[in-house]
Amino acid sequence: MFPFYFWNNSCYASDAVSRKARLERKLSFLRTMRDDIETRLAGLNAAITNVEQQLNQEDATRV
């Protein structure tokens, strides 16, 4: 899932690609991963909230 092996591979990290350019690509990738995880977490939180609301509605109707 994580292509970290590319970042330290001597074939990939040629002299033509500067260290700064590699680090910028790495940072961009990590930010993309973080954004994806945050999106998934927001979806999970919404689903949890929805189920909790449904449970509370059922408890209110039983009383």
PDB file of N, CA and C in Angstrom:
ATOM      1  N   MET A   1       0.814  -1.188   0.000  1.00  0.00           N
ATOM      2  CA  MET A   1       0.000   0.000   0.000  1.00  0.00           C
ATOM      3  C   MET A   1       0.859   1.253   0.000  1.00  0.00           C
ATOM      4  N   PHE A   2       1.925   1.230   0.753  1.00  0.00           N
ATOM      5  CA  PHE A   2       2.773   2.406   0.844  1.00  0.00           C
ATOM      6  C   PHE A   2       4.033   2.206  -0.007  1.00  0.00           C
ATOM      7  N   PRO A   3       4.261   3.055  -0.985  1.00  0.00           N
ATOM      8  CA  PRO A   3       5.437   2.876  -1.854  1.00  0.00           C
ATOM      9  C   PRO A   3       6.700   3.503  -1.259  1.00  0.00           C
ATOM     10  N   PHE A   4       6.938   3.272   0.027  1.00  0.00           N
ATOM     11  CA  PHE A   4       8.104   3.875   0.670  1.00  0.00           C
ATOM     12  C   PHE A   4       9.417   3.330   0.099  1.00  0.00           C
ATOM     13  N   TYR A   5       9.378   2.106  -0.413  1.00  0.00           N
ATOM     14  CA  TYR A   5      10.607   1.530  -0.935  1.00  0.00           C
ATOM     15  C   TYR A   5      11.132   2.314  -2.132  1.00  0.00           C
ATOM     16  N   PHE A   6      10.281   3.058  -2.817  1.00  0.00           N
ATOM     17  CA  PHE A   6      10.729   3.871  -3.949  1.00  0.00           C
ATOM     18  C   PHE A   6      11.591   5.046  -3.506  1.00  0.00           C
ATOM     19  N   TRP A   7      11.314   5.554  -2.305  1.00  0.00           N
ATOM     20  CA  TRP A   7      11.992   6.768  -1.868  1.00  0.00           C
ATOM     21  C   TRP A   7      13.468   6.533  -1.553  1.00  0.00           C
ATOM     22  N   ASN A   8      13.824   5.313  -1.216  1.00  0.00           N
ATOM     23  CA  ASN A   8      15.211   5.023  -0.875  1.00  0.00           C
ATOM     24  C   ASN A   8      15.900   4.142  -1.902  1.00  0.00           C
ATOM     25  N   ASN A   9      15.237   3.812  -2.962  1.00  0.00           N
ATOM     26  CA  ASN A   9      15.789   2.965  -4.004  1.00  0.00           C
ATOM     27  C   ASN A   9      16.789   3.773  -4.826  1.00  0.00           C
ATOM     28  N   SER A  10      18.005   3.256  -4.969  1.00  0.00           N
ATOM     29  CA  SER A  10      19.046   4.005  -5.678  1.00  0.00           C
ATOM     30  C   SER A  10      18.714   4.173  -7.164  1.00  0.00           C
ATOM     31  N   CYS A  11      17.959   3.249  -7.750  1.00  0.00           N
ATOM     32  CA  CYS A  11      17.566   3.383  -9.153  1.00  0.00           C
ATOM     33  C   CYS A  11      16.546   4.514  -9.310  1.00  0.00           C
ATOM     34  N   TYR A  12      15.671   4.633  -8.349  1.00  0.00           N
ATOM     35  CA  TYR A  12      14.627   5.662  -8.415  1.00  0.00           C
ATOM     36  C   TYR A  12      15.203   7.031  -8.075  1.00  0.00           C
ATOM     37  N   ALA A  13      16.072   7.072  -7.091  1.00  0.00           N
ATOM     38  CA  ALA A  13      16.618   8.350  -6.608  1.00  0.00           C
ATOM     39  C   ALA A  13      17.911   8.675  -7.365  1.00  0.00           C
ATOM     40  N   SER A  14      17.765   9.007  -8.618  1.00  0.00           N
ATOM     41  CA  SER A  14      18.934   9.318  -9.428  1.00  0.00           C
ATOM     42  C   SER A  14      19.441  10.715  -9.119  1.00  0.00           C
ATOM     43  N   ASP A  15      20.623  11.027  -9.627  1.00  0.00           N
ATOM     44  CA  ASP A  15      21.212  12.345  -9.408  1.00  0.00           C
ATOM     45  C   ASP A  15      20.404  13.444 -10.084  1.00  0.00           C
ATOM     46  N   ALA A  16      19.633  13.086 -11.115  1.00  0.00           N
ATOM     47  CA  ALA A  16      18.860  14.085 -11.843  1.00  0.00           C
ATOM     48  C   ALA A  16      17.704  14.631 -10.997  1.00  0.00           C
ATOM     49  N   VAL A  17      17.257  13.836 -10.036  1.00  0.00           N
ATOM     50  CA  VAL A  17      16.163  14.265  -9.166  1.00  0.00           C
ATOM     51  C   VAL A  17      16.762  14.741  -7.852  1.00  0.00           C
ATOM     52  N   SER A  18      16.534  15.989  -7.543  1.00  0.00           N
ATOM     53  CA  SER A  18      17.133  16.551  -6.339  1.00  0.00           C
ATOM     54  C   SER A  18      16.463  15.989  -5.089  1.00  0.00           C
ATOM     55  N   ARG A  19      17.185  16.073  -4.002  1.00  0.00           N
ATOM     56  CA  ARG A  19      16.649  15.623  -2.717  1.00  0.00           C
ATOM     57  C   ARG A  19      15.395  16.426  -2.378  1.00  0.00           C
ATOM     58  N   LYS A  20      15.429  17.727  -2.649  1.00  0.00           N
ATOM     59  CA  LYS A  20      14.279  18.580  -2.370  1.00  0.00           C
ATOM     60  C   LYS A  20      13.058  18.132  -3.167  1.00  0.00           C
ATOM     61  N   ALA A  21      13.249  17.788  -4.429  1.00  0.00           N
ATOM     62  CA  ALA A  21      12.139  17.341  -5.267  1.00  0.00           C
ATOM     63  C   ALA A  21      11.556  16.038  -4.728  1.00  0.00           C
ATOM     64  N   ARG A  22      12.425  15.112  -4.302  1.00  0.00           N
ATOM     65  CA  ARG A  22      11.943  13.847  -3.730  1.00  0.00           C
ATOM     66  C   ARG A  22      11.151  14.097  -2.459  1.00  0.00           C
ATOM     67  N   LEU A  23      11.665  14.991  -1.608  1.00  0.00           N
ATOM     68  CA  LEU A  23      10.968  15.284  -0.365  1.00  0.00           C
ATOM     69  C   LEU A  23       9.626  15.974  -0.624  1.00  0.00           C
ATOM     70  N   GLU A  24       9.575  16.839  -1.629  1.00  0.00           N
ATOM     71  CA  GLU A  24       8.313  17.495  -1.967  1.00  0.00           C
ATOM     72  C   GLU A  24       7.286  16.486  -2.465  1.00  0.00           C
ATOM     73  N   ARG A  25       7.732  15.521  -3.267  1.00  0.00           N
ATOM     74  CA  ARG A  25       6.824  14.458  -3.733  1.00  0.00           C
ATOM     75  C   ARG A  25       6.343  13.607  -2.562  1.00  0.00           C
ATOM     76  N   LYS A  26       7.269  13.302  -1.666  1.00  0.00           N
ATOM     77  CA  LYS A  26       6.929  12.505  -0.489  1.00  0.00           C
ATOM     78  C   LYS A  26       5.905  13.251   0.362  1.00  0.00           C
ATOM     79  N   LEU A  27       6.125  14.543   0.577  1.00  0.00           N
ATOM     80  CA  LEU A  27       5.198  15.357   1.359  1.00  0.00           C
ATOM     81  C   LEU A  27       3.821  15.405   0.698  1.00  0.00           C
ATOM     82  N   SER A  28       3.801  15.559  -0.602  1.00  0.00           N
ATOM     83  CA  SER A  28       2.531  15.581  -1.330  1.00  0.00           C
ATOM     84  C   SER A  28       1.792  14.257  -1.158  1.00  0.00           C
ATOM     85  N   PHE A  29       2.503  13.156  -1.275  1.00  0.00           N
ATOM     86  CA  PHE A  29       1.900  11.832  -1.108  1.00  0.00           C
ATOM     87  C   PHE A  29       1.341  11.674   0.303  1.00  0.00           C
ATOM     88  N   LEU A  30       2.112  12.047   1.294  1.00  0.00           N
ATOM     89  CA  LEU A  30       1.674  11.889   2.678  1.00  0.00           C
ATOM     90  C   LEU A  30       0.455  12.770   2.979  1.00  0.00           C
ATOM     91  N   ARG A  31       0.418  13.958   2.425  1.00  0.00           N
ATOM     92  CA  ARG A  31      -0.750  14.829   2.616  1.00  0.00           C
ATOM     93  C   ARG A  31      -1.987  14.229   1.953  1.00  0.00           C
ATOM     94  N   THR A  32      -1.801  13.624   0.780  1.00  0.00           N
ATOM     95  CA  THR A  32      -2.917  12.965   0.101  1.00  0.00           C
ATOM     96  C   THR A  32      -3.436  11.807   0.944  1.00  0.00           C
ATOM     97  N   MET A  33      -2.516  11.035   1.498  1.00  0.00           N
ATOM     98  CA  MET A  33      -2.903   9.922   2.372  1.00  0.00           C
ATOM     99  C   MET A  33      -3.675  10.437   3.579  1.00  0.00           C
ATOM    100  N   ARG A  34      -3.190  11.528   4.197  1.00  0.00           N
ATOM    101  CA  ARG A  34      -3.855  12.098   5.364  1.00  0.00           C
ATOM    102  C   ARG A  34      -5.258  12.563   5.006  1.00  0.00           C
ATOM    103  N   ASP A  35      -5.404  13.233   3.874  1.00  0.00           N
ATOM    104  CA  ASP A  35      -6.715  13.722   3.451  1.00  0.00           C
ATOM    105  C   ASP A  35      -7.685  12.565   3.245  1.00  0.00           C
ATOM    106  N   ASP A  36      -7.186  11.481   2.659  1.00  0.00           N
ATOM    107  CA  ASP A  36      -8.022  10.306   2.438  1.00  0.00           C
ATOM    108  C   ASP A  36      -8.463   9.708   3.772  1.00  0.00           C
ATOM    109  N   ILE A  37      -7.544   9.614   4.708  1.00  0.00           N
ATOM    110  CA  ILE A  37      -7.869   9.054   6.023  1.00  0.00           C
ATOM    111  C   ILE A  37      -8.863   9.949   6.754  1.00  0.00           C
ATOM    112  N   GLU A  38      -8.671  11.275   6.652  1.00  0.00           N
ATOM    113  CA  GLU A  38      -9.609  12.201   7.295  1.00  0.00           C
ATOM    114  C   GLU A  38     -11.007  12.063   6.696  1.00  0.00           C
ATOM    115  N   THR A  39     -11.096  11.861   5.385  1.00  0.00           N
ATOM    116  CA  THR A  39     -12.386  11.681   4.731  1.00  0.00           C
ATOM    117  C   THR A  39     -13.059  10.408   5.223  1.00  0.00           C
ATOM    118  N   ARG A  40     -12.294   9.339   5.311  1.00  0.00           N
ATOM    119  CA  ARG A  40     -12.848   8.071   5.798  1.00  0.00           C
ATOM    120  C   ARG A  40     -13.298   8.195   7.254  1.00  0.00           C
ATOM    121  N   LEU A  41     -12.497   8.888   8.058  1.00  0.00           N
ATOM    122  CA  LEU A  41     -12.843   9.073   9.464  1.00  0.00           C
ATOM    123  C   LEU A  41     -14.125   9.894   9.611  1.00  0.00           C
ATOM    124  N   ALA A  42     -14.279  10.912   8.797  1.00  0.00           N
ATOM    125  CA  ALA A  42     -15.501  11.718   8.836  1.00  0.00           C
ATOM    126  C   ALA A  42     -16.714  10.858   8.485  1.00  0.00           C
ATOM    127  N   GLY A  43     -16.565   9.978   7.511  1.00  0.00           N
ATOM    128  CA  GLY A  43     -17.652   9.071   7.150  1.00  0.00           C
ATOM    129  C   GLY A  43     -18.004   8.117   8.278  1.00  0.00           C
ATOM    130  N   LEU A  44     -16.979   7.588   8.935  1.00  0.00           N
ATOM    131  CA  LEU A  44     -17.227   6.699  10.070  1.00  0.00           C
ATOM    132  C   LEU A  44     -17.911   7.434  11.207  1.00  0.00           C
ATOM    133  N   ASN A  45     -17.458   8.637  11.499  1.00  0.00           N
ATOM    134  CA  ASN A  45     -18.076   9.427  12.563  1.00  0.00           C
ATOM    135  C   ASN A  45     -19.540   9.721  12.250  1.00  0.00           C
ATOM    136  N   ALA A  46     -19.845  10.022  10.995  1.00  0.00           N
ATOM    137  CA  ALA A  46     -21.229  10.271  10.598  1.00  0.00           C
ATOM    138  C   ALA A  46     -22.077   9.015  10.759  1.00  0.00           C
ATOM    139  N   ALA A  47     -21.537   7.871  10.378  1.00  0.00           N
ATOM    140  CA  ALA A  47     -22.275   6.612  10.513  1.00  0.00           C
ATOM    141  C   ALA A  47     -22.530   6.289  11.979  1.00  0.00           C
ATOM    142  N   ILE A  48     -21.539   6.512  12.827  1.00  0.00           N
ATOM    143  CA  ILE A  48     -21.699   6.263  14.262  1.00  0.00           C
ATOM    144  C   ILE A  48     -22.774   7.178  14.837  1.00  0.00           C
ATOM    145  N   THR A  49     -22.735   8.445  14.468  1.00  0.00           N
ATOM    146  CA  THR A  49     -23.731   9.405  14.946  1.00  0.00           C
ATOM    147  C   THR A  49     -25.129   8.998  14.508  1.00  0.00           C
ATOM    148  N   ASN A  50     -25.248   8.548  13.272  1.00  0.00           N
ATOM    149  CA  ASN A  50     -26.543   8.119  12.738  1.00  0.00           C
ATOM    150  C   ASN A  50     -27.095   6.937  13.524  1.00  0.00           C
ATOM    151  N   VAL A  51     -26.261   5.942  13.801  1.00  0.00           N
ATOM    152  CA  VAL A  51     -26.710   4.767  14.547  1.00  0.00           C
ATOM    153  C   VAL A  51     -27.078   5.155  15.985  1.00  0.00           C
ATOM    154  N   GLU A  52     -26.289   6.033  16.586  1.00  0.00           N
ATOM    155  CA  GLU A  52     -26.600   6.489  17.947  1.00  0.00           C
ATOM    156  C   GLU A  52     -27.947   7.216  17.983  1.00  0.00           C
ATOM    157  N   GLN A  53     -28.218   8.036  16.991  1.00  0.00           N
ATOM    158  CA  GLN A  53     -29.504   8.740  16.923  1.00  0.00           C
ATOM    159  C   GLN A  53     -30.660   7.751  16.772  1.00  0.00           C
ATOM    160  N   GLN A  54     -30.456   6.737  15.944  1.00  0.00           N
ATOM    161  CA  GLN A  54     -31.498   5.731  15.759  1.00  0.00           C
ATOM    162  C   GLN A  54     -31.766   4.978  17.058  1.00  0.00           C
ATOM    163  N   LEU A  55     -30.696   4.650  17.787  1.00  0.00           N
ATOM    164  CA  LEU A  55     -30.867   3.971  19.073  1.00  0.00           C
ATOM    165  C   LEU A  55     -31.603   4.866  20.071  1.00  0.00           C
ATOM    166  N   ASN A  56     -31.261   6.129  20.089  1.00  0.00           N
ATOM    167  CA  ASN A  56     -31.915   7.051  21.014  1.00  0.00           C
ATOM    168  C   ASN A  56     -33.402   7.214  20.655  1.00  0.00           C
ATOM    169  N   GLN A  57     -33.729   7.217  19.372  1.00  0.00           N
ATOM    170  CA  GLN A  57     -35.123   7.329  18.946  1.00  0.00           C
ATOM    171  C   GLN A  57     -35.915   6.082  19.381  1.00  0.00           C
ATOM    172  N   GLU A  58     -35.288   4.910  19.250  1.00  0.00           N
ATOM    173  CA  GLU A  58     -35.959   3.686  19.666  1.00  0.00           C
ATOM    174  C   GLU A  58     -36.175   3.675  21.171  1.00  0.00           C
ATOM    175  N   ASP A  59     -35.189   4.133  21.939  1.00  0.00           N
ATOM    176  CA  ASP A  59     -35.325   4.192  23.383  1.00  0.00           C
ATOM    177  C   ASP A  59     -36.423   5.183  23.786  1.00  0.00           C
ATOM    178  N   ALA A  60     -36.563   6.290  23.072  1.00  0.00           N
ATOM    179  CA  ALA A  60     -37.580   7.296  23.387  1.00  0.00           C
ATOM    180  C   ALA A  60     -38.986   6.766  23.094  1.00  0.00           C
ATOM    181  N   THR A  61     -39.128   5.957  22.057  1.00  0.00           N
ATOM    182  CA  THR A  61     -40.452   5.430  21.708  1.00  0.00           C
ATOM    183  C   THR A  61     -40.865   4.298  22.645  1.00  0.00           C
ATOM    184  N   ARG A  62     -39.955   3.633  23.279  1.00  0.00           N
ATOM    185  CA  ARG A  62     -40.262   2.531  24.186  1.00  0.00           C
ATOM    186  C   ARG A  62     -40.704   3.029  25.558  1.00  0.00           C
ATOM    187  N   VAL A  63     -40.323   4.224  25.901  1.00  0.00           N
ATOM    188  CA  VAL A  63     -40.641   4.754  27.234  1.00  0.00           C
ATOM    189  C   VAL A  63     -42.024   5.257  27.317  1.00  0.00           C
TER     190      VAL A  63
END
